[in-house]
Amino acid sequence: MKSNELRLRKIQRMAHEIMDEVNLRNEERPSDLLNSVIDNLSRAVGDLTDPSGNYSIEYLEEKVGNAHTQMFGNRVKTY
């Protein structure tokens, strides 16, 4: 796989881990944490869906990575 494809797969994996954490665990979470996670993810999606087709993979990594770190701290998810 090409480097950008690997980077996009990592971004996708982190987004799926966040989604699983939110949907599969029935835990209360502080609304400010969820708001910040949603903000980072929505910014990443907004950049990715630019009608011109231009997006920054670095920006996606930053925003999804921030959301992932906020959700999990320094814990490393393994599947």
PDB file of N, CA and C in Angstrom:
ATOM      1  N   MET A   1       0.836  -1.178   0.000  1.00  0.00           N
ATOM      2  CA  MET A   1       0.000   0.000   0.000  1.00  0.00           C
ATOM      3  C   MET A   1       0.880   1.240   0.000  1.00  0.00           C
ATOM      4  N   LYS A   2       0.395   2.266  -0.586  1.00  0.00           N
ATOM      5  CA  LYS A   2       1.128   3.524  -0.618  1.00  0.00           C
ATOM      6  C   LYS A   2       1.082   4.191   0.749  1.00  0.00           C
ATOM      7  N   SER A   3       2.035   5.081   0.971  1.00  0.00           N
ATOM      8  CA  SER A   3       2.153   5.763   2.252  1.00  0.00           C
ATOM      9  C   SER A   3       0.871   6.502   2.644  1.00  0.00           C
ATOM     10  N   ASN A   4       0.282   7.259   1.705  1.00  0.00           N
ATOM     11  CA  ASN A   4      -0.950   7.991   2.028  1.00  0.00           C
ATOM     12  C   ASN A   4      -2.101   7.057   2.342  1.00  0.00           C
ATOM     13  N   GLU A   5      -2.163   5.920   1.664  1.00  0.00           N
ATOM     14  CA  GLU A   5      -3.214   4.948   1.949  1.00  0.00           C
ATOM     15  C   GLU A   5      -3.057   4.390   3.363  1.00  0.00           C
ATOM     16  N   LEU A   6      -1.826   4.121   3.773  1.00  0.00           N
ATOM     17  CA  LEU A   6      -1.579   3.636   5.133  1.00  0.00           C
ATOM     18  C   LEU A   6      -1.958   4.692   6.161  1.00  0.00           C
ATOM     19  N   ARG A   7      -1.624   5.929   5.872  1.00  0.00           N
ATOM     20  CA  ARG A   7      -1.966   7.015   6.782  1.00  0.00           C
ATOM     21  C   ARG A   7      -3.479   7.168   6.896  1.00  0.00           C
ATOM     22  N   LEU A   8      -4.189   7.065   5.781  1.00  0.00           N
ATOM     23  CA  LEU A   8      -5.654   7.164   5.806  1.00  0.00           C
ATOM     24  C   LEU A   8      -6.265   5.987   6.550  1.00  0.00           C
ATOM     25  N   ARG A   9      -5.690   4.801   6.416  1.00  0.00           N
ATOM     26  CA  ARG A   9      -6.201   3.635   7.167  1.00  0.00           C
ATOM     27  C   ARG A   9      -6.034   3.841   8.666  1.00  0.00           C
ATOM     28  N   LYS A  10      -4.899   4.427   9.074  1.00  0.00           N
ATOM     29  CA  LYS A  10      -4.686   4.700  10.494  1.00  0.00           C
ATOM     30  C   LYS A  10      -5.718   5.707  10.998  1.00  0.00           C
ATOM     31  N   ILE A  11      -5.969   6.745  10.219  1.00  0.00           N
ATOM     32  CA  ILE A  11      -6.980   7.739  10.577  1.00  0.00           C
ATOM     33  C   ILE A  11      -8.346   7.061  10.709  1.00  0.00           C
ATOM     34  N   GLN A  12      -8.675   6.207   9.750  1.00  0.00           N
ATOM     35  CA  GLN A  12      -9.951   5.490   9.775  1.00  0.00           C
ATOM     36  C   GLN A  12     -10.045   4.599  11.015  1.00  0.00           C
ATOM     37  N   ARG A  13      -8.960   3.905  11.348  1.00  0.00           N
ATOM     38  CA  ARG A  13      -8.959   3.030  12.522  1.00  0.00           C
ATOM     39  C   ARG A  13      -9.201   3.832  13.796  1.00  0.00           C
ATOM     40  N   MET A  14      -8.528   4.982  13.918  1.00  0.00           N
ATOM     41  CA  MET A  14      -8.726   5.810  15.109  1.00  0.00           C
ATOM     42  C   MET A  14     -10.169   6.299  15.203  1.00  0.00           C
ATOM     43  N   ALA A  15     -10.753   6.707  14.079  1.00  0.00           N
ATOM     44  CA  ALA A  15     -12.144   7.167  14.082  1.00  0.00           C
ATOM     45  C   ALA A  15     -13.086   6.039  14.484  1.00  0.00           C
ATOM     46  N   HIS A  16     -12.833   4.825  13.993  1.00  0.00           N
ATOM     47  CA  HIS A  16     -13.663   3.671  14.369  1.00  0.00           C
ATOM     48  C   HIS A  16     -13.525   3.350  15.852  1.00  0.00           C
ATOM     49  N   GLU A  17     -12.310   3.468  16.389  1.00  0.00           N
ATOM     50  CA  GLU A  17     -12.117   3.209  17.814  1.00  0.00           C
ATOM     51  C   GLU A  17     -12.905   4.212  18.658  1.00  0.00           C
ATOM     52  N   ILE A  18     -12.905   5.467  18.242  1.00  0.00           N
ATOM     53  CA  ILE A  18     -13.682   6.483  18.958  1.00  0.00           C
ATOM     54  C   ILE A  18     -15.163   6.147  18.893  1.00  0.00           C
ATOM     55  N   MET A  19     -15.639   5.805  17.704  1.00  0.00           N
ATOM     56  CA  MET A  19     -17.046   5.462  17.531  1.00  0.00           C
ATOM     57  C   MET A  19     -17.423   4.258  18.399  1.00  0.00           C
ATOM     58  N   ASP A  20     -16.584   3.244  18.407  1.00  0.00           N
ATOM     59  CA  ASP A  20     -16.858   2.063  19.231  1.00  0.00           C
ATOM     60  C   ASP A  20     -16.883   2.407  20.704  1.00  0.00           C
ATOM     61  N   GLU A  21     -15.948   3.230  21.145  1.00  0.00           N
ATOM     62  CA  GLU A  21     -15.886   3.617  22.555  1.00  0.00           C
ATOM     63  C   GLU A  21     -17.165   4.346  22.975  1.00  0.00           C
ATOM     64  N   VAL A  22     -17.638   5.229  22.127  1.00  0.00           N
ATOM     65  CA  VAL A  22     -18.835   6.004  22.452  1.00  0.00           C
ATOM     66  C   VAL A  22     -20.083   5.137  22.385  1.00  0.00           C
ATOM     67  N   ASN A  23     -20.189   4.290  21.369  1.00  0.00           N
ATOM     68  CA  ASN A  23     -21.425   3.544  21.146  1.00  0.00           C
ATOM     69  C   ASN A  23     -21.522   2.224  21.896  1.00  0.00           C
ATOM     70  N   LEU A  24     -20.416   1.578  22.166  1.00  0.00           N
ATOM     71  CA  LEU A  24     -20.471   0.253  22.775  1.00  0.00           C
ATOM     72  C   LEU A  24     -20.400   0.281  24.296  1.00  0.00           C
ATOM     73  N   ARG A  25     -19.883   1.348  24.835  1.00  0.00           N
ATOM     74  CA  ARG A  25     -19.826   1.476  26.293  1.00  0.00           C
ATOM     75  C   ARG A  25     -20.927   2.416  26.737  1.00  0.00           C
ATOM     76  N   ASN A  26     -21.685   1.971  27.667  1.00  0.00           N
ATOM     77  CA  ASN A  26     -22.772   2.807  28.179  1.00  0.00           C
ATOM     78  C   ASN A  26     -22.298   3.562  29.409  1.00  0.00           C
ATOM     79  N   GLU A  27     -21.318   4.434  29.186  1.00  0.00           N
ATOM     80  CA  GLU A  27     -20.773   5.255  30.265  1.00  0.00           C
ATOM     81  C   GLU A  27     -21.160   6.708  30.048  1.00  0.00           C
ATOM     82  N   GLU A  28     -21.404   7.378  31.139  1.00  0.00           N
ATOM     83  CA  GLU A  28     -21.605   8.820  31.056  1.00  0.00           C
ATOM     84  C   GLU A  28     -20.250   9.461  30.818  1.00  0.00           C
ATOM     85  N   ARG A  29     -20.229  10.432  29.955  1.00  0.00           N
ATOM     86  CA  ARG A  29     -19.000  11.173  29.671  1.00  0.00           C
ATOM     87  C   ARG A  29     -19.293  12.655  29.828  1.00  0.00           C
ATOM     88  N   PRO A  30     -18.299  13.406  30.261  1.00  0.00           N
ATOM     89  CA  PRO A  30     -18.515  14.855  30.387  1.00  0.00           C
ATOM     90  C   PRO A  30     -18.855  15.459  29.024  1.00  0.00           C
ATOM     91  N   SER A  31     -19.829  16.337  29.011  1.00  0.00           N
ATOM     92  CA  SER A  31     -20.255  16.924  27.741  1.00  0.00           C
ATOM     93  C   SER A  31     -19.152  17.756  27.102  1.00  0.00           C
ATOM     94  N   ASP A  32     -18.295  18.390  27.918  1.00  0.00           N
ATOM     95  CA  ASP A  32     -17.211  19.174  27.327  1.00  0.00           C
ATOM     96  C   ASP A  32     -16.207  18.277  26.606  1.00  0.00           C
ATOM     97  N   LEU A  33     -15.984  17.065  27.112  1.00  0.00           N
ATOM     98  CA  LEU A  33     -15.112  16.111  26.424  1.00  0.00           C
ATOM     99  C   LEU A  33     -15.731  15.705  25.097  1.00  0.00           C
ATOM    100  N   LEU A  34     -16.993  15.331  25.110  1.00  0.00           N
ATOM    101  CA  LEU A  34     -17.663  14.912  23.879  1.00  0.00           C
ATOM    102  C   LEU A  34     -17.742  16.051  22.872  1.00  0.00           C
ATOM    103  N   ASN A  35     -18.003  17.263  23.355  1.00  0.00           N
ATOM    104  CA  ASN A  35     -18.050  18.420  22.450  1.00  0.00           C
ATOM    105  C   ASN A  35     -16.715  18.631  21.755  1.00  0.00           C
ATOM    106  N   SER A  36     -15.638  18.488  22.494  1.00  0.00           N
ATOM    107  CA  SER A  36     -14.308  18.676  21.913  1.00  0.00           C
ATOM    108  C   SER A  36     -13.970  17.563  20.923  1.00  0.00           C
ATOM    109  N   VAL A  37     -14.317  16.329  21.261  1.00  0.00           N
ATOM    110  CA  VAL A  37     -14.085  15.198  20.353  1.00  0.00           C
ATOM    111  C   VAL A  37     -14.885  15.397  19.064  1.00  0.00           C
ATOM    112  N   ILE A  38     -16.152  15.760  19.207  1.00  0.00           N
ATOM    113  CA  ILE A  38     -17.008  15.988  18.031  1.00  0.00           C
ATOM    114  C   ILE A  38     -16.474  17.145  17.198  1.00  0.00           C
ATOM    115  N   ASP A  39     -16.003  18.194  17.851  1.00  0.00           N
ATOM    116  CA  ASP A  39     -15.456  19.341  17.127  1.00  0.00           C
ATOM    117  C   ASP A  39     -14.260  18.918  16.267  1.00  0.00           C
ATOM    118  N   ASN A  40     -13.337  18.162  16.848  1.00  0.00           N
ATOM    119  CA  ASN A  40     -12.171  17.707  16.087  1.00  0.00           C
ATOM    120  C   ASN A  40     -12.572  16.802  14.935  1.00  0.00           C
ATOM    121  N   LEU A  41     -13.480  15.875  15.190  1.00  0.00           N
ATOM    122  CA  LEU A  41     -13.899  14.959  14.123  1.00  0.00           C
ATOM    123  C   LEU A  41     -14.653  15.698  13.014  1.00  0.00           C
ATOM    124  N   SER A  42     -15.500  16.646  13.381  1.00  0.00           N
ATOM    125  CA  SER A  42     -16.262  17.365  12.350  1.00  0.00           C
ATOM    126  C   SER A  42     -15.349  18.257  11.517  1.00  0.00           C
ATOM    127  N   ARG A  43     -14.313  18.811  12.119  1.00  0.00           N
ATOM    128  CA  ARG A  43     -13.347  19.595  11.341  1.00  0.00           C
ATOM    129  C   ARG A  43     -12.604  18.711  10.351  1.00  0.00           C
ATOM    130  N   ALA A  44     -12.253  17.506  10.784  1.00  0.00           N
ATOM    131  CA  ALA A  44     -11.573  16.567   9.886  1.00  0.00           C
ATOM    132  C   ALA A  44     -12.487  16.176   8.725  1.00  0.00           C
ATOM    133  N   VAL A  45     -13.738  15.882   9.026  1.00  0.00           N
ATOM    134  CA  VAL A  45     -14.688  15.518   7.973  1.00  0.00           C
ATOM    135  C   VAL A  45     -14.907  16.699   7.031  1.00  0.00           C
ATOM    136  N   GLY A  46     -15.016  17.886   7.587  1.00  0.00           N
ATOM    137  CA  GLY A  46     -15.197  19.076   6.758  1.00  0.00           C
ATOM    138  C   GLY A  46     -14.048  19.272   5.791  1.00  0.00           C
ATOM    139  N   ASP A  47     -12.823  19.035   6.254  1.00  0.00           N
ATOM    140  CA  ASP A  47     -11.663  19.162   5.372  1.00  0.00           C
ATOM    141  C   ASP A  47     -11.668  18.067   4.309  1.00  0.00           C
ATOM    142  N   LEU A  48     -12.022  16.863   4.708  1.00  0.00           N
ATOM    143  CA  LEU A  48     -12.016  15.726   3.787  1.00  0.00           C
ATOM    144  C   LEU A  48     -13.066  15.848   2.693  1.00  0.00           C
ATOM    145  N   THR A  49     -14.161  16.522   2.992  1.00  0.00           N
ATOM    146  CA  THR A  49     -15.265  16.626   2.029  1.00  0.00           C
ATOM    147  C   THR A  49     -15.234  17.929   1.240  1.00  0.00           C
ATOM    148  N   ASP A  50     -14.094  18.565   1.190  1.00  0.00           N
ATOM    149  CA  ASP A  50     -13.934  19.791   0.398  1.00  0.00           C
ATOM    150  C   ASP A  50     -14.326  19.497  -1.048  1.00  0.00           C
ATOM    151  N   PRO A  51     -15.278  20.248  -1.603  1.00  0.00           N
ATOM    152  CA  PRO A  51     -15.756  19.983  -2.969  1.00  0.00           C
ATOM    153  C   PRO A  51     -14.652  20.009  -4.029  1.00  0.00           C
ATOM    154  N   SER A  52     -13.579  20.739  -3.762  1.00  0.00           N
ATOM    155  CA  SER A  52     -12.495  20.792  -4.743  1.00  0.00           C
ATOM    156  C   SER A  52     -11.645  19.528  -4.714  1.00  0.00           C
ATOM    157  N   GLY A  53     -11.868  18.696  -3.707  1.00  0.00           N
ATOM    158  CA  GLY A  53     -11.115  17.445  -3.610  1.00  0.00           C
ATOM    159  C   GLY A  53      -9.763  17.613  -2.941  1.00  0.00           C
ATOM    160  N   ASN A  54      -9.483  18.812  -2.492  1.00  0.00           N
ATOM    161  CA  ASN A  54      -8.209  19.061  -1.814  1.00  0.00           C
ATOM    162  C   ASN A  54      -8.391  18.878  -0.316  1.00  0.00           C
ATOM    163  N   TYR A  55      -7.544  18.065   0.266  1.00  0.00           N
ATOM    164  CA  TYR A  55      -7.542  17.923   1.705  1.00  0.00           C
ATOM    165  C   TYR A  55      -6.112  17.705   2.163  1.00  0.00           C
ATOM    166  N   SER A  56      -5.876  18.002   3.415  1.00  0.00           N
ATOM    167  CA  SER A  56      -4.555  17.852   3.997  1.00  0.00           C
ATOM    168  C   SER A  56      -4.556  16.621   4.889  1.00  0.00           C
ATOM    169  N   ILE A  57      -3.751  15.645   4.515  1.00  0.00           N
ATOM    170  CA  ILE A  57      -3.685  14.431   5.327  1.00  0.00           C
ATOM    171  C   ILE A  57      -3.099  14.748   6.702  1.00  0.00           C
ATOM    172  N   GLU A  58      -2.213  15.737   6.756  1.00  0.00           N
ATOM    173  CA  GLU A  58      -1.644  16.145   8.037  1.00  0.00           C
ATOM    174  C   GLU A  58      -2.724  16.727   8.945  1.00  0.00           C
ATOM    175  N   TYR A  59      -3.629  17.515   8.369  1.00  0.00           N
ATOM    176  CA  TYR A  59      -4.727  18.101   9.136  1.00  0.00           C
ATOM    177  C   TYR A  59      -5.658  17.003   9.646  1.00  0.00           C
ATOM    178  N   LEU A  60      -5.946  16.024   8.803  1.00  0.00           N
ATOM    179  CA  LEU A  60      -6.784  14.902   9.220  1.00  0.00           C
ATOM    180  C   LEU A  60      -6.131  14.139  10.364  1.00  0.00           C
ATOM    181  N   GLU A  61      -4.836  13.865  10.235  1.00  0.00           N
ATOM    182  CA  GLU A  61      -4.118  13.162  11.296  1.00  0.00           C
ATOM    183  C   GLU A  61      -4.152  13.955  12.598  1.00  0.00           C
ATOM    184  N   GLU A  62      -3.970  15.262  12.488  1.00  0.00           N
ATOM    185  CA  GLU A  62      -3.972  16.107  13.679  1.00  0.00           C
ATOM    186  C   GLU A  62      -5.334  16.087  14.370  1.00  0.00           C
ATOM    187  N   LYS A  63      -6.399  16.325  13.611  1.00  0.00           N
ATOM    188  CA  LYS A  63      -7.724  16.449  14.213  1.00  0.00           C
ATOM    189  C   LYS A  63      -8.248  15.106  14.746  1.00  0.00           C
ATOM    190  N   VAL A  64      -8.113  14.051  13.967  1.00  0.00           N
ATOM    191  CA  VAL A  64      -8.576  12.741  14.443  1.00  0.00           C
ATOM    192  C   VAL A  64      -7.668  12.257  15.575  1.00  0.00           C
ATOM    193  N   GLY A  65      -6.372  12.533  15.466  1.00  0.00           N
ATOM    194  CA  GLY A  65      -5.441  12.178  16.544  1.00  0.00           C
ATOM    195  C   GLY A  65      -5.770  12.905  17.836  1.00  0.00           C
ATOM    196  N   ASN A  66      -6.112  14.195  17.739  1.00  0.00           N
ATOM    197  CA  ASN A  66      -6.520  14.952  18.930  1.00  0.00           C
ATOM    198  C   ASN A  66      -7.766  14.347  19.562  1.00  0.00           C
ATOM    199  N   ALA A  67      -8.750  14.034  18.733  1.00  0.00           N
ATOM    200  CA  ALA A  67      -9.994  13.436  19.244  1.00  0.00           C
ATOM    201  C   ALA A  67      -9.704  12.096  19.911  1.00  0.00           C
ATOM    202  N   HIS A  68      -8.842  11.306  19.306  1.00  0.00           N
ATOM    203  CA  HIS A  68      -8.488   9.987  19.843  1.00  0.00           C
ATOM    204  C   HIS A  68      -7.780  10.138  21.195  1.00  0.00           C
ATOM    205  N   THR A  69      -6.842  11.064  21.271  1.00  0.00           N
ATOM    206  CA  THR A  69      -6.125  11.300  22.526  1.00  0.00           C
ATOM    207  C   THR A  69      -7.067  11.805  23.611  1.00  0.00           C
ATOM    208  N   GLN A  70      -8.001  12.671  23.244  1.00  0.00           N
ATOM    209  CA  GLN A  70      -8.969  13.161  24.224  1.00  0.00           C
ATOM    210  C   GLN A  70      -9.837  12.022  24.745  1.00  0.00           C
ATOM    211  N   MET A  71     -10.201  11.115  23.874  1.00  0.00           N
ATOM    212  CA  MET A  71     -11.078  10.023  24.278  1.00  0.00           C
ATOM    213  C   MET A  71     -10.333   8.970  25.097  1.00  0.00           C
ATOM    214  N   PHE A  72      -9.114   8.656  24.701  1.00  0.00           N
ATOM    215  CA  PHE A  72      -8.394   7.539  25.313  1.00  0.00           C
ATOM    216  C   PHE A  72      -7.192   7.944  26.152  1.00  0.00           C
ATOM    217  N   GLY A  73      -6.812   9.205  26.135  1.00  0.00           N
ATOM    218  CA  GLY A  73      -5.579   9.585  26.816  1.00  0.00           C
ATOM    219  C   GLY A  73      -4.408   8.952  26.090  1.00  0.00           C
ATOM    220  N   ASN A  74      -3.494   8.412  26.819  1.00  0.00           N
ATOM    221  CA  ASN A  74      -2.335   7.771  26.199  1.00  0.00           C
ATOM    222  C   ASN A  74      -2.505   6.275  26.032  1.00  0.00           C
ATOM    223  N   ARG A  75      -3.700   5.770  26.331  1.00  0.00           N
ATOM    224  CA  ARG A  75      -3.951   4.344  26.155  1.00  0.00           C
ATOM    225  C   ARG A  75      -3.850   3.973  24.687  1.00  0.00           C
ATOM    226  N   VAL A  76      -3.240   2.885  24.414  1.00  0.00           N
ATOM    227  CA  VAL A  76      -3.150   2.391  23.036  1.00  0.00           C
ATOM    228  C   VAL A  76      -4.200   1.304  22.877  1.00  0.00           C
ATOM    229  N   LYS A  77      -5.058   1.485  21.876  1.00  0.00           N
ATOM    230  CA  LYS A  77      -6.085   0.489  21.616  1.00  0.00           C
ATOM    231  C   LYS A  77      -5.478  -0.603  20.758  1.00  0.00           C
ATOM    232  N   THR A  78      -5.796  -1.841  21.086  1.00  0.00           N
ATOM    233  CA  THR A  78      -5.329  -2.964  20.271  1.00  0.00           C
ATOM    234  C   THR A  78      -6.504  -3.872  19.965  1.00  0.00           C
ATOM    235  N   TYR A  79      -6.591  -4.295  18.734  1.00  0.00           N
ATOM    236  CA  TYR A  79      -7.636  -5.216  18.313  1.00  0.00           C
ATOM    237  C   TYR A  79      -6.998  -6.410  17.668  1.00  0.00           C
TER     238      TYR A  79
END
